[in-house]
N, C-alpha and C. Protein backbone atom coordinates (compact mmCIF):
# COMPACT_ATOMS: atom_id res chain seq x y z
N MET A 1 1.26 -13.68 -19.50
CA MET A 1 1.08 -14.08 -18.11
C MET A 1 -0.40 -14.03 -17.75
N THR A 2 -0.87 -15.01 -16.98
CA THR A 2 -2.25 -14.99 -16.51
C THR A 2 -2.31 -14.27 -15.16
N VAL A 3 -3.16 -13.27 -15.10
CA VAL A 3 -3.32 -12.46 -13.90
C VAL A 3 -4.64 -12.84 -13.24
N LEU A 4 -4.57 -13.29 -12.01
CA LEU A 4 -5.75 -13.66 -11.24
C LEU A 4 -6.07 -12.53 -10.28
N LEU A 5 -7.25 -11.92 -10.43
CA LEU A 5 -7.62 -10.79 -9.59
C LEU A 5 -8.25 -11.27 -8.29
N ALA A 6 -7.83 -10.69 -7.20
CA ALA A 6 -8.39 -11.02 -5.89
C ALA A 6 -9.63 -10.17 -5.64
N THR A 7 -10.65 -10.42 -6.45
CA THR A 7 -11.91 -9.69 -6.36
C THR A 7 -12.98 -10.48 -7.09
N ASN A 8 -14.22 -10.18 -6.78
CA ASN A 8 -15.35 -10.70 -7.54
C ASN A 8 -16.07 -9.57 -8.28
N ASN A 9 -15.40 -8.42 -8.38
CA ASN A 9 -15.99 -7.20 -8.93
C ASN A 9 -15.74 -7.13 -10.44
N ASP A 10 -16.81 -7.26 -11.22
CA ASP A 10 -16.68 -7.23 -12.68
C ASP A 10 -16.24 -5.87 -13.19
N HIS A 11 -16.64 -4.79 -12.48
CA HIS A 11 -16.22 -3.45 -12.89
C HIS A 11 -14.69 -3.33 -12.82
N LYS A 12 -14.10 -3.80 -11.72
CA LYS A 12 -12.64 -3.74 -11.59
C LYS A 12 -11.97 -4.59 -12.66
N ARG A 13 -12.55 -5.76 -12.93
CA ARG A 13 -11.98 -6.64 -13.94
C ARG A 13 -11.95 -5.94 -15.30
N ARG A 14 -13.04 -5.28 -15.68
CA ARG A 14 -13.07 -4.59 -16.97
C ARG A 14 -12.04 -3.47 -17.03
N GLU A 15 -11.97 -2.68 -15.95
CA GLU A 15 -11.00 -1.58 -15.91
C GLU A 15 -9.58 -2.11 -16.06
N LEU A 16 -9.23 -3.14 -15.29
CA LEU A 16 -7.86 -3.64 -15.30
C LEU A 16 -7.53 -4.35 -16.61
N ALA A 17 -8.49 -5.04 -17.20
CA ALA A 17 -8.24 -5.73 -18.47
C ALA A 17 -7.92 -4.72 -19.58
N GLN A 18 -8.47 -3.51 -19.47
CA GLN A 18 -8.19 -2.48 -20.46
C GLN A 18 -6.77 -1.92 -20.33
N ILE A 19 -6.16 -2.12 -19.16
CA ILE A 19 -4.81 -1.62 -18.92
C ILE A 19 -3.77 -2.74 -19.03
N LEU A 20 -4.09 -3.91 -18.47
CA LEU A 20 -3.15 -5.04 -18.51
C LEU A 20 -3.34 -5.83 -19.81
N THR A 21 -3.21 -5.13 -20.92
CA THR A 21 -3.57 -5.71 -22.22
C THR A 21 -2.61 -6.82 -22.67
N GLU A 22 -1.42 -6.87 -22.10
CA GLU A 22 -0.47 -7.91 -22.49
C GLU A 22 -0.65 -9.18 -21.67
N HIS A 23 -1.66 -9.19 -20.81
CA HIS A 23 -1.86 -10.32 -19.91
C HIS A 23 -3.32 -10.77 -19.95
N HIS A 24 -3.55 -12.03 -19.60
CA HIS A 24 -4.90 -12.59 -19.55
C HIS A 24 -5.44 -12.42 -18.14
N VAL A 25 -6.52 -11.65 -17.99
CA VAL A 25 -7.05 -11.31 -16.67
C VAL A 25 -8.28 -12.17 -16.38
N VAL A 26 -8.25 -12.86 -15.24
CA VAL A 26 -9.38 -13.73 -14.87
C VAL A 26 -9.79 -13.47 -13.42
N LEU A 27 -11.03 -13.84 -13.12
CA LEU A 27 -11.56 -13.76 -11.76
C LEU A 27 -11.52 -15.15 -11.12
N PRO A 28 -11.49 -15.23 -9.79
CA PRO A 28 -11.43 -16.54 -9.11
C PRO A 28 -12.52 -17.51 -9.55
N ARG A 29 -13.75 -17.01 -9.71
CA ARG A 29 -14.84 -17.93 -10.04
C ARG A 29 -14.66 -18.57 -11.42
N GLU A 30 -13.87 -17.93 -12.29
CA GLU A 30 -13.65 -18.49 -13.62
C GLU A 30 -12.73 -19.70 -13.59
N ILE A 31 -12.00 -19.86 -12.49
CA ILE A 31 -11.19 -21.07 -12.33
C ILE A 31 -11.69 -21.87 -11.12
N GLU A 32 -12.97 -21.67 -10.82
CA GLU A 32 -13.68 -22.45 -9.80
C GLU A 32 -13.08 -22.32 -8.40
N ILE A 33 -12.69 -21.10 -8.06
CA ILE A 33 -12.23 -20.80 -6.70
C ILE A 33 -13.26 -19.89 -6.04
N ASP A 34 -13.70 -20.28 -4.87
CA ASP A 34 -14.65 -19.49 -4.09
C ASP A 34 -13.85 -18.55 -3.19
N PHE A 35 -13.73 -17.30 -3.62
CA PHE A 35 -12.87 -16.34 -2.91
C PHE A 35 -13.71 -15.31 -2.18
N SER A 36 -13.35 -15.08 -0.92
CA SER A 36 -13.93 -13.97 -0.16
C SER A 36 -12.87 -13.48 0.82
N PHE A 37 -13.01 -12.25 1.25
CA PHE A 37 -12.02 -11.68 2.16
C PHE A 37 -12.69 -10.63 3.02
N GLU A 38 -12.47 -10.72 4.32
CA GLU A 38 -12.99 -9.73 5.25
C GLU A 38 -11.94 -8.64 5.43
N GLU A 39 -12.27 -7.43 5.03
CA GLU A 39 -11.31 -6.32 5.08
C GLU A 39 -11.18 -5.83 6.51
N SER A 40 -10.25 -6.43 7.24
CA SER A 40 -10.05 -6.09 8.65
C SER A 40 -8.80 -5.25 8.88
N GLY A 41 -8.09 -4.91 7.81
CA GLY A 41 -6.88 -4.10 7.95
C GLY A 41 -7.20 -2.66 8.33
N THR A 42 -6.16 -1.97 8.77
CA THR A 42 -6.33 -0.56 9.14
C THR A 42 -5.79 0.39 8.09
N THR A 43 -5.22 -0.17 7.01
CA THR A 43 -4.70 0.64 5.91
C THR A 43 -5.09 -0.02 4.59
N PHE A 44 -5.01 0.76 3.52
CA PHE A 44 -5.27 0.21 2.19
C PHE A 44 -4.27 -0.91 1.88
N PHE A 45 -3.01 -0.73 2.27
CA PHE A 45 -1.99 -1.75 2.01
C PHE A 45 -2.32 -3.06 2.72
N GLU A 46 -2.68 -2.98 4.00
CA GLU A 46 -2.97 -4.22 4.74
C GLU A 46 -4.10 -5.00 4.08
N ASN A 47 -5.13 -4.30 3.62
CA ASN A 47 -6.24 -4.99 2.97
C ASN A 47 -5.83 -5.57 1.62
N ALA A 48 -5.05 -4.82 0.85
CA ALA A 48 -4.65 -5.29 -0.48
C ALA A 48 -3.77 -6.53 -0.38
N VAL A 49 -2.74 -6.48 0.45
CA VAL A 49 -1.84 -7.63 0.56
C VAL A 49 -2.55 -8.80 1.23
N GLY A 50 -3.48 -8.51 2.13
CA GLY A 50 -4.26 -9.57 2.77
C GLY A 50 -5.10 -10.33 1.76
N LYS A 51 -5.75 -9.62 0.86
CA LYS A 51 -6.54 -10.27 -0.20
C LYS A 51 -5.65 -11.18 -1.05
N ALA A 52 -4.49 -10.65 -1.44
CA ALA A 52 -3.59 -11.41 -2.31
C ALA A 52 -3.12 -12.69 -1.62
N ARG A 53 -2.78 -12.60 -0.35
CA ARG A 53 -2.28 -13.78 0.38
C ARG A 53 -3.38 -14.83 0.57
N VAL A 54 -4.59 -14.40 0.88
CA VAL A 54 -5.69 -15.34 1.05
C VAL A 54 -5.97 -16.09 -0.25
N LEU A 55 -5.99 -15.36 -1.37
CA LEU A 55 -6.23 -16.02 -2.66
C LEU A 55 -5.08 -16.94 -3.02
N PHE A 56 -3.86 -16.54 -2.73
CA PHE A 56 -2.70 -17.38 -3.00
C PHE A 56 -2.82 -18.72 -2.28
N ASP A 57 -3.28 -18.69 -1.04
CA ASP A 57 -3.42 -19.91 -0.25
C ASP A 57 -4.52 -20.82 -0.77
N LEU A 58 -5.43 -20.29 -1.59
CA LEU A 58 -6.51 -21.10 -2.16
C LEU A 58 -6.13 -21.76 -3.47
N LEU A 59 -4.99 -21.37 -4.04
CA LEU A 59 -4.60 -21.92 -5.34
C LEU A 59 -4.15 -23.37 -5.21
N PRO A 60 -4.58 -24.23 -6.14
CA PRO A 60 -4.06 -25.60 -6.16
C PRO A 60 -2.56 -25.60 -6.40
N ALA A 61 -1.88 -26.56 -5.84
CA ALA A 61 -0.42 -26.65 -6.01
C ALA A 61 -0.09 -26.74 -7.49
N GLY A 62 0.91 -25.96 -7.89
CA GLY A 62 1.37 -26.01 -9.27
C GLY A 62 0.76 -24.97 -10.17
N ASP A 63 -0.33 -24.32 -9.74
CA ASP A 63 -0.93 -23.26 -10.56
C ASP A 63 -0.01 -22.06 -10.61
N ASP A 64 0.15 -21.51 -11.80
CA ASP A 64 1.10 -20.42 -12.00
C ASP A 64 0.36 -19.15 -12.41
N PHE A 65 0.03 -18.35 -11.41
CA PHE A 65 -0.66 -17.09 -11.64
C PHE A 65 0.10 -15.96 -10.97
N ALA A 66 -0.05 -14.77 -11.53
CA ALA A 66 0.30 -13.56 -10.79
C ALA A 66 -1.00 -13.06 -10.18
N ILE A 67 -1.04 -12.96 -8.88
CA ILE A 67 -2.25 -12.50 -8.21
C ILE A 67 -2.16 -10.98 -8.05
N VAL A 68 -3.21 -10.30 -8.51
CA VAL A 68 -3.26 -8.84 -8.35
C VAL A 68 -4.46 -8.50 -7.47
N ALA A 69 -4.19 -7.76 -6.41
CA ALA A 69 -5.23 -7.34 -5.47
C ALA A 69 -5.12 -5.84 -5.25
N ASP A 70 -6.24 -5.22 -4.97
CA ASP A 70 -6.16 -3.80 -4.63
C ASP A 70 -7.16 -3.48 -3.54
N ASP A 71 -6.89 -2.41 -2.84
CA ASP A 71 -7.87 -1.82 -1.95
C ASP A 71 -7.89 -0.35 -2.26
N SER A 72 -9.06 0.17 -2.41
CA SER A 72 -9.18 1.57 -2.78
C SER A 72 -10.33 2.20 -2.04
N GLY A 73 -10.33 3.50 -1.98
CA GLY A 73 -11.39 4.19 -1.28
C GLY A 73 -11.32 5.69 -1.48
N LEU A 74 -12.37 6.34 -1.04
CA LEU A 74 -12.52 7.79 -1.15
C LEU A 74 -12.25 8.43 0.20
N CYS A 75 -11.39 9.43 0.20
CA CYS A 75 -11.05 10.14 1.44
C CYS A 75 -11.50 11.60 1.30
N VAL A 76 -12.42 12.01 2.14
CA VAL A 76 -12.99 13.37 2.08
C VAL A 76 -12.42 14.19 3.23
N ASN A 77 -11.77 15.28 2.89
CA ASN A 77 -11.07 16.08 3.90
C ASN A 77 -11.98 16.55 5.03
N ALA A 78 -13.15 17.08 4.67
CA ALA A 78 -14.05 17.64 5.68
C ALA A 78 -14.67 16.57 6.58
N LEU A 79 -14.55 15.31 6.19
CA LEU A 79 -15.05 14.21 7.01
C LEU A 79 -13.91 13.47 7.69
N GLY A 80 -12.78 14.14 7.83
CA GLY A 80 -11.65 13.54 8.52
C GLY A 80 -11.03 12.36 7.78
N GLY A 81 -11.16 12.35 6.45
CA GLY A 81 -10.62 11.25 5.66
C GLY A 81 -11.60 10.12 5.42
N ALA A 82 -12.78 10.20 6.00
CA ALA A 82 -13.81 9.18 5.76
C ALA A 82 -14.37 9.32 4.33
N PRO A 83 -14.92 8.25 3.78
CA PRO A 83 -15.05 6.91 4.36
C PRO A 83 -13.77 6.08 4.29
N GLY A 84 -12.76 6.48 3.51
CA GLY A 84 -11.45 5.81 3.53
C GLY A 84 -11.53 4.33 3.25
N ILE A 85 -10.90 3.53 4.13
CA ILE A 85 -10.87 2.08 3.92
C ILE A 85 -12.24 1.45 4.07
N TYR A 86 -13.20 2.20 4.57
CA TYR A 86 -14.56 1.68 4.72
C TYR A 86 -15.47 2.11 3.57
N SER A 87 -14.91 2.58 2.47
CA SER A 87 -15.70 3.14 1.38
C SER A 87 -16.76 2.18 0.86
N ALA A 88 -16.42 0.92 0.65
CA ALA A 88 -17.38 -0.04 0.11
C ALA A 88 -18.46 -0.37 1.13
N ARG A 89 -18.12 -0.27 2.42
CA ARG A 89 -19.06 -0.63 3.50
C ARG A 89 -19.72 0.60 4.12
N TYR A 90 -19.48 1.75 3.55
CA TYR A 90 -19.98 3.01 4.09
C TYR A 90 -21.51 2.98 4.22
N GLY A 91 -21.99 3.27 5.40
CA GLY A 91 -23.42 3.32 5.63
C GLY A 91 -24.08 1.97 5.78
N SER A 92 -23.30 0.90 5.83
CA SER A 92 -23.88 -0.44 5.95
C SER A 92 -24.74 -0.54 7.20
N PRO A 93 -25.94 -1.10 7.09
CA PRO A 93 -26.82 -1.20 8.26
C PRO A 93 -26.41 -2.27 9.25
N ASP A 94 -25.50 -3.16 8.85
CA ASP A 94 -25.11 -4.26 9.75
C ASP A 94 -23.60 -4.37 9.90
N GLY A 95 -22.92 -3.23 9.83
CA GLY A 95 -21.48 -3.22 10.08
C GLY A 95 -20.62 -3.70 8.94
N GLY A 96 -21.20 -3.84 7.75
CA GLY A 96 -20.39 -4.18 6.59
C GLY A 96 -20.78 -5.47 5.89
N THR A 97 -21.59 -6.31 6.53
CA THR A 97 -22.01 -7.55 5.88
C THR A 97 -22.82 -7.26 4.62
N THR A 98 -23.71 -6.28 4.73
CA THR A 98 -24.52 -5.84 3.59
C THR A 98 -24.00 -4.50 3.10
N GLU A 99 -23.68 -4.43 1.82
CA GLU A 99 -23.22 -3.17 1.24
C GLU A 99 -24.41 -2.44 0.62
N LEU A 100 -24.50 -1.15 0.89
CA LEU A 100 -25.54 -0.34 0.29
C LEU A 100 -25.28 -0.18 -1.21
N PRO A 101 -26.33 -0.03 -2.01
CA PRO A 101 -26.12 0.32 -3.42
C PRO A 101 -25.35 1.62 -3.51
N ALA A 102 -24.59 1.79 -4.59
CA ALA A 102 -23.74 2.97 -4.75
C ALA A 102 -24.53 4.26 -4.63
N ALA A 103 -25.71 4.31 -5.20
CA ALA A 103 -26.50 5.55 -5.15
C ALA A 103 -26.86 5.92 -3.71
N GLU A 104 -27.11 4.91 -2.87
CA GLU A 104 -27.43 5.19 -1.47
C GLU A 104 -26.20 5.65 -0.70
N ARG A 105 -25.05 5.06 -0.99
CA ARG A 105 -23.81 5.51 -0.34
C ARG A 105 -23.51 6.95 -0.72
N ASN A 106 -23.68 7.26 -2.00
CA ASN A 106 -23.41 8.62 -2.46
C ASN A 106 -24.34 9.63 -1.79
N ALA A 107 -25.62 9.26 -1.70
CA ALA A 107 -26.59 10.16 -1.05
C ALA A 107 -26.24 10.36 0.41
N ARG A 108 -25.81 9.31 1.08
CA ARG A 108 -25.43 9.42 2.50
C ARG A 108 -24.23 10.35 2.65
N LEU A 109 -23.22 10.19 1.79
CA LEU A 109 -22.03 11.03 1.88
C LEU A 109 -22.39 12.49 1.64
N LEU A 110 -23.21 12.75 0.61
CA LEU A 110 -23.60 14.13 0.33
C LEU A 110 -24.38 14.70 1.51
N GLY A 111 -25.20 13.90 2.15
CA GLY A 111 -25.95 14.36 3.31
C GLY A 111 -25.04 14.70 4.48
N GLU A 112 -24.03 13.88 4.72
CA GLU A 112 -23.10 14.13 5.82
C GLU A 112 -22.23 15.35 5.54
N LEU A 113 -21.88 15.54 4.29
CA LEU A 113 -21.04 16.69 3.93
C LEU A 113 -21.85 17.98 3.96
N GLY A 114 -23.14 17.88 3.64
CA GLY A 114 -24.03 19.04 3.70
C GLY A 114 -23.54 20.20 2.84
N ASP A 115 -23.55 21.39 3.43
CA ASP A 115 -23.14 22.60 2.72
C ASP A 115 -21.69 22.99 2.98
N ALA A 116 -20.89 22.05 3.43
CA ALA A 116 -19.47 22.34 3.71
C ALA A 116 -18.81 22.99 2.50
N THR A 117 -18.04 24.03 2.76
CA THR A 117 -17.36 24.71 1.66
C THR A 117 -16.09 23.97 1.24
N ASN A 118 -15.45 23.29 2.19
CA ASN A 118 -14.28 22.48 1.86
C ASN A 118 -14.76 21.12 1.35
N ARG A 119 -14.71 20.93 0.04
CA ARG A 119 -15.20 19.70 -0.56
C ARG A 119 -14.06 18.91 -1.21
N ASP A 120 -12.82 19.26 -0.83
CA ASP A 120 -11.66 18.56 -1.37
C ASP A 120 -11.67 17.10 -0.95
N ALA A 121 -11.26 16.24 -1.87
CA ALA A 121 -11.25 14.80 -1.61
C ALA A 121 -10.26 14.14 -2.55
N HIS A 122 -9.91 12.93 -2.24
CA HIS A 122 -9.06 12.16 -3.16
C HIS A 122 -9.36 10.68 -3.00
N PHE A 123 -9.19 9.98 -4.10
CA PHE A 123 -9.23 8.52 -4.09
C PHE A 123 -7.83 7.99 -3.83
N VAL A 124 -7.76 6.83 -3.19
CA VAL A 124 -6.50 6.11 -2.99
C VAL A 124 -6.68 4.71 -3.57
N CYS A 125 -5.65 4.22 -4.24
CA CYS A 125 -5.63 2.83 -4.66
C CYS A 125 -4.27 2.23 -4.33
N CYS A 126 -4.28 1.19 -3.50
CA CYS A 126 -3.08 0.41 -3.24
C CYS A 126 -3.23 -0.90 -3.98
N MET A 127 -2.30 -1.20 -4.89
CA MET A 127 -2.38 -2.41 -5.71
C MET A 127 -1.14 -3.26 -5.48
N VAL A 128 -1.37 -4.55 -5.31
CA VAL A 128 -0.31 -5.51 -5.01
C VAL A 128 -0.29 -6.58 -6.09
N ALA A 129 0.90 -6.93 -6.57
CA ALA A 129 1.09 -8.09 -7.44
C ALA A 129 1.89 -9.11 -6.65
N LEU A 130 1.28 -10.27 -6.40
CA LEU A 130 1.91 -11.33 -5.61
C LEU A 130 2.31 -12.48 -6.53
N PHE A 131 3.59 -12.85 -6.48
CA PHE A 131 4.11 -13.90 -7.36
C PHE A 131 4.40 -15.19 -6.60
N SER A 132 4.71 -15.07 -5.33
CA SER A 132 4.92 -16.23 -4.46
C SER A 132 4.72 -15.74 -3.03
N ALA A 133 4.84 -16.64 -2.06
CA ALA A 133 4.53 -16.28 -0.68
C ALA A 133 5.29 -15.04 -0.20
N ASP A 134 6.53 -14.90 -0.62
CA ASP A 134 7.35 -13.79 -0.13
C ASP A 134 7.83 -12.86 -1.24
N ARG A 135 7.21 -12.96 -2.40
CA ARG A 135 7.63 -12.10 -3.51
C ARG A 135 6.43 -11.31 -4.01
N TYR A 136 6.46 -10.00 -3.77
CA TYR A 136 5.36 -9.17 -4.23
C TYR A 136 5.86 -7.74 -4.48
N ALA A 137 5.05 -7.00 -5.22
CA ALA A 137 5.34 -5.60 -5.50
C ALA A 137 4.09 -4.78 -5.17
N VAL A 138 4.30 -3.54 -4.75
CA VAL A 138 3.20 -2.67 -4.33
C VAL A 138 3.30 -1.33 -5.03
N VAL A 139 2.17 -0.83 -5.52
CA VAL A 139 2.09 0.52 -6.07
C VAL A 139 0.87 1.19 -5.43
N GLN A 140 1.05 2.38 -4.88
CA GLN A 140 -0.08 3.12 -4.32
C GLN A 140 -0.15 4.49 -4.98
N GLU A 141 -1.35 4.84 -5.46
CA GLU A 141 -1.56 6.10 -6.17
C GLU A 141 -2.79 6.83 -5.63
N THR A 142 -2.90 8.12 -5.97
CA THR A 142 -4.05 8.92 -5.57
C THR A 142 -4.65 9.62 -6.79
N PHE A 143 -5.84 10.16 -6.60
CA PHE A 143 -6.59 10.86 -7.65
C PHE A 143 -7.32 12.01 -6.96
N GLU A 144 -6.92 13.24 -7.27
CA GLU A 144 -7.43 14.41 -6.55
C GLU A 144 -8.67 14.99 -7.21
N GLY A 145 -9.60 15.48 -6.39
CA GLY A 145 -10.80 16.13 -6.91
C GLY A 145 -11.60 16.77 -5.80
N ARG A 146 -12.88 16.95 -6.06
CA ARG A 146 -13.79 17.56 -5.09
C ARG A 146 -15.11 16.80 -5.11
N ILE A 147 -15.85 16.89 -4.02
CA ILE A 147 -17.18 16.28 -3.97
C ILE A 147 -18.20 17.27 -4.53
N SER A 148 -18.95 16.82 -5.52
CA SER A 148 -19.94 17.69 -6.14
C SER A 148 -21.14 17.90 -5.22
N ARG A 149 -22.02 18.80 -5.61
CA ARG A 149 -23.23 19.05 -4.81
C ARG A 149 -24.30 18.00 -5.07
N GLU A 150 -24.25 17.37 -6.24
CA GLU A 150 -25.22 16.34 -6.58
C GLU A 150 -24.60 15.40 -7.61
N PRO A 151 -25.11 14.18 -7.73
CA PRO A 151 -24.55 13.22 -8.69
C PRO A 151 -24.75 13.70 -10.13
N SER A 152 -23.81 13.29 -10.99
CA SER A 152 -23.93 13.60 -12.41
C SER A 152 -23.14 12.57 -13.21
N GLY A 153 -23.76 12.09 -14.28
CA GLY A 153 -23.09 11.13 -15.15
C GLY A 153 -23.52 9.71 -14.88
N SER A 154 -23.38 8.86 -15.89
CA SER A 154 -23.83 7.48 -15.80
C SER A 154 -22.71 6.47 -15.99
N GLY A 155 -21.50 6.93 -16.19
CA GLY A 155 -20.38 6.02 -16.38
C GLY A 155 -19.73 5.64 -15.07
N GLY A 156 -18.70 4.78 -15.16
CA GLY A 156 -17.95 4.39 -13.97
C GLY A 156 -18.81 3.63 -12.98
N PHE A 157 -18.44 3.70 -11.72
CA PHE A 157 -19.19 3.03 -10.66
C PHE A 157 -18.82 3.65 -9.33
N GLY A 158 -19.47 3.19 -8.26
CA GLY A 158 -19.13 3.68 -6.93
C GLY A 158 -19.39 5.17 -6.77
N TYR A 159 -18.36 5.88 -6.30
CA TYR A 159 -18.49 7.30 -6.01
C TYR A 159 -18.23 8.19 -7.22
N ASP A 160 -18.02 7.60 -8.39
CA ASP A 160 -17.69 8.39 -9.59
C ASP A 160 -18.69 9.51 -9.89
N PRO A 161 -20.01 9.31 -9.70
CA PRO A 161 -20.94 10.39 -10.04
C PRO A 161 -20.85 11.63 -9.15
N ILE A 162 -20.20 11.52 -7.98
CA ILE A 162 -20.10 12.70 -7.11
C ILE A 162 -18.66 13.18 -6.96
N PHE A 163 -17.74 12.59 -7.72
CA PHE A 163 -16.33 13.00 -7.65
C PHE A 163 -16.05 13.93 -8.83
N PHE A 164 -15.96 15.22 -8.51
CA PHE A 164 -15.87 16.27 -9.53
C PHE A 164 -14.42 16.66 -9.78
N LEU A 165 -14.09 16.83 -11.06
CA LEU A 165 -12.74 17.22 -11.47
C LEU A 165 -12.78 18.66 -11.97
N PRO A 166 -12.37 19.63 -11.14
CA PRO A 166 -12.48 21.04 -11.53
C PRO A 166 -11.79 21.38 -12.84
N GLU A 167 -10.63 20.77 -13.10
CA GLU A 167 -9.88 21.11 -14.31
C GLU A 167 -10.58 20.62 -15.58
N ARG A 168 -11.50 19.65 -15.43
CA ARG A 168 -12.24 19.14 -16.58
C ARG A 168 -13.70 19.56 -16.57
N GLY A 169 -14.17 20.12 -15.47
CA GLY A 169 -15.54 20.60 -15.39
C GLY A 169 -16.58 19.49 -15.43
N MET A 170 -16.24 18.31 -14.94
CA MET A 170 -17.17 17.19 -14.97
C MET A 170 -16.81 16.18 -13.89
N THR A 171 -17.74 15.28 -13.61
CA THR A 171 -17.46 14.21 -12.66
C THR A 171 -16.76 13.06 -13.39
N VAL A 172 -16.20 12.15 -12.60
CA VAL A 172 -15.55 10.98 -13.18
C VAL A 172 -16.55 10.13 -13.95
N ALA A 173 -17.80 10.13 -13.52
CA ALA A 173 -18.85 9.36 -14.21
C ALA A 173 -19.17 9.92 -15.58
N GLU A 174 -18.69 11.13 -15.88
CA GLU A 174 -18.91 11.74 -17.20
C GLU A 174 -17.71 11.60 -18.12
N LEU A 175 -16.63 11.00 -17.61
CA LEU A 175 -15.43 10.82 -18.42
C LEU A 175 -15.56 9.59 -19.32
N PRO A 176 -14.96 9.63 -20.52
CA PRO A 176 -14.83 8.41 -21.31
C PRO A 176 -13.94 7.41 -20.57
N ASP A 177 -14.17 6.12 -20.79
CA ASP A 177 -13.42 5.10 -20.07
C ASP A 177 -11.91 5.24 -20.24
N ASP A 178 -11.47 5.54 -21.46
CA ASP A 178 -10.02 5.61 -21.69
C ASP A 178 -9.39 6.78 -20.95
N GLU A 179 -10.15 7.88 -20.82
CA GLU A 179 -9.64 9.03 -20.07
C GLU A 179 -9.59 8.72 -18.58
N LYS A 180 -10.63 8.06 -18.07
CA LYS A 180 -10.64 7.69 -16.66
C LYS A 180 -9.46 6.77 -16.36
N ASN A 181 -9.23 5.78 -17.20
CA ASN A 181 -8.13 4.85 -16.97
C ASN A 181 -6.77 5.54 -17.00
N ARG A 182 -6.68 6.63 -17.74
CA ARG A 182 -5.40 7.34 -17.86
C ARG A 182 -5.07 8.14 -16.61
N ILE A 183 -6.10 8.72 -15.95
CA ILE A 183 -5.82 9.66 -14.87
C ILE A 183 -6.25 9.18 -13.49
N SER A 184 -7.01 8.10 -13.40
CA SER A 184 -7.54 7.69 -12.10
C SER A 184 -6.48 7.03 -11.23
N HIS A 185 -6.79 6.94 -9.93
CA HIS A 185 -5.92 6.27 -8.97
C HIS A 185 -5.67 4.83 -9.36
N ARG A 186 -6.74 4.12 -9.74
CA ARG A 186 -6.59 2.71 -10.11
C ARG A 186 -5.85 2.57 -11.44
N GLY A 187 -6.12 3.48 -12.37
CA GLY A 187 -5.42 3.43 -13.64
C GLY A 187 -3.93 3.64 -13.49
N LYS A 188 -3.56 4.62 -12.68
CA LYS A 188 -2.13 4.89 -12.46
C LYS A 188 -1.45 3.73 -11.74
N ALA A 189 -2.13 3.19 -10.72
CA ALA A 189 -1.55 2.05 -9.99
C ALA A 189 -1.43 0.84 -10.90
N ALA A 190 -2.45 0.62 -11.73
CA ALA A 190 -2.44 -0.54 -12.63
C ALA A 190 -1.33 -0.44 -13.67
N ARG A 191 -1.04 0.76 -14.14
CA ARG A 191 0.06 0.90 -15.10
C ARG A 191 1.40 0.62 -14.44
N GLY A 192 1.54 1.01 -13.18
CA GLY A 192 2.76 0.66 -12.45
C GLY A 192 2.89 -0.83 -12.27
N ILE A 193 1.79 -1.50 -11.94
CA ILE A 193 1.80 -2.96 -11.79
C ILE A 193 2.04 -3.62 -13.14
N ALA A 194 1.46 -3.08 -14.21
CA ALA A 194 1.67 -3.65 -15.56
C ALA A 194 3.15 -3.66 -15.92
N ALA A 195 3.86 -2.58 -15.59
CA ALA A 195 5.28 -2.51 -15.90
C ALA A 195 6.05 -3.59 -15.14
N ILE A 196 5.64 -3.83 -13.89
CA ILE A 196 6.30 -4.87 -13.08
C ILE A 196 5.99 -6.25 -13.65
N LEU A 197 4.72 -6.49 -14.03
CA LEU A 197 4.35 -7.77 -14.62
C LEU A 197 5.13 -8.06 -15.89
N ASN A 198 5.35 -7.02 -16.69
CA ASN A 198 6.09 -7.21 -17.94
C ASN A 198 7.54 -7.63 -17.66
N VAL A 199 8.13 -7.03 -16.64
CA VAL A 199 9.50 -7.41 -16.27
C VAL A 199 9.55 -8.86 -15.78
N VAL A 200 8.61 -9.21 -14.92
CA VAL A 200 8.59 -10.57 -14.37
C VAL A 200 8.33 -11.60 -15.47
N ALA A 201 7.42 -11.28 -16.39
CA ALA A 201 7.10 -12.20 -17.48
C ALA A 201 8.29 -12.46 -18.38
N ALA A 202 9.18 -11.46 -18.49
CA ALA A 202 10.33 -11.58 -19.37
C ALA A 202 11.49 -12.31 -18.72
N GLN A 203 11.40 -12.58 -17.43
CA GLN A 203 12.51 -13.20 -16.72
C GLN A 203 12.61 -14.71 -17.02
């Protein structure tokens, strides 16, 4: 089955391709679709299903793809769950049109958290597989950890360098890719979606 991702993010494409190994994963630009989506939802689900529906409406008639979309973010307890659904736009100087580089977002979050002793946090990933206008499946997963005092590691992307895993004694940016894919919010959600795709492909 060909899986069309509702994103222009190459990092997400690489992560998902490593999990959806039985399927061919492509980005919209690879089939000459200009895809964009304004994340105006109030939940991860609203944004994920919204992306999938917008991309579905852009498909030429007769194209047979499973559209996979996700919305994910970091929720920090001491910040009232922020940045949450605004994780990618966190600290944007113009309300979200311009996204700060990951290192600047991480520095801003660490600055806002300061010396707080409660550094518990979790990632959320809501992933949707859309097969037709009214046929879709949803998997939402979490990934528990803590916010470190400073960035560490060069792997992953986004908030990975400041998301510390106490049971492993390292940040997500220090994990091997296969380990991250096994335990992360997106990895767990993607495996759930992979199982659904396999069932649909066999029908």
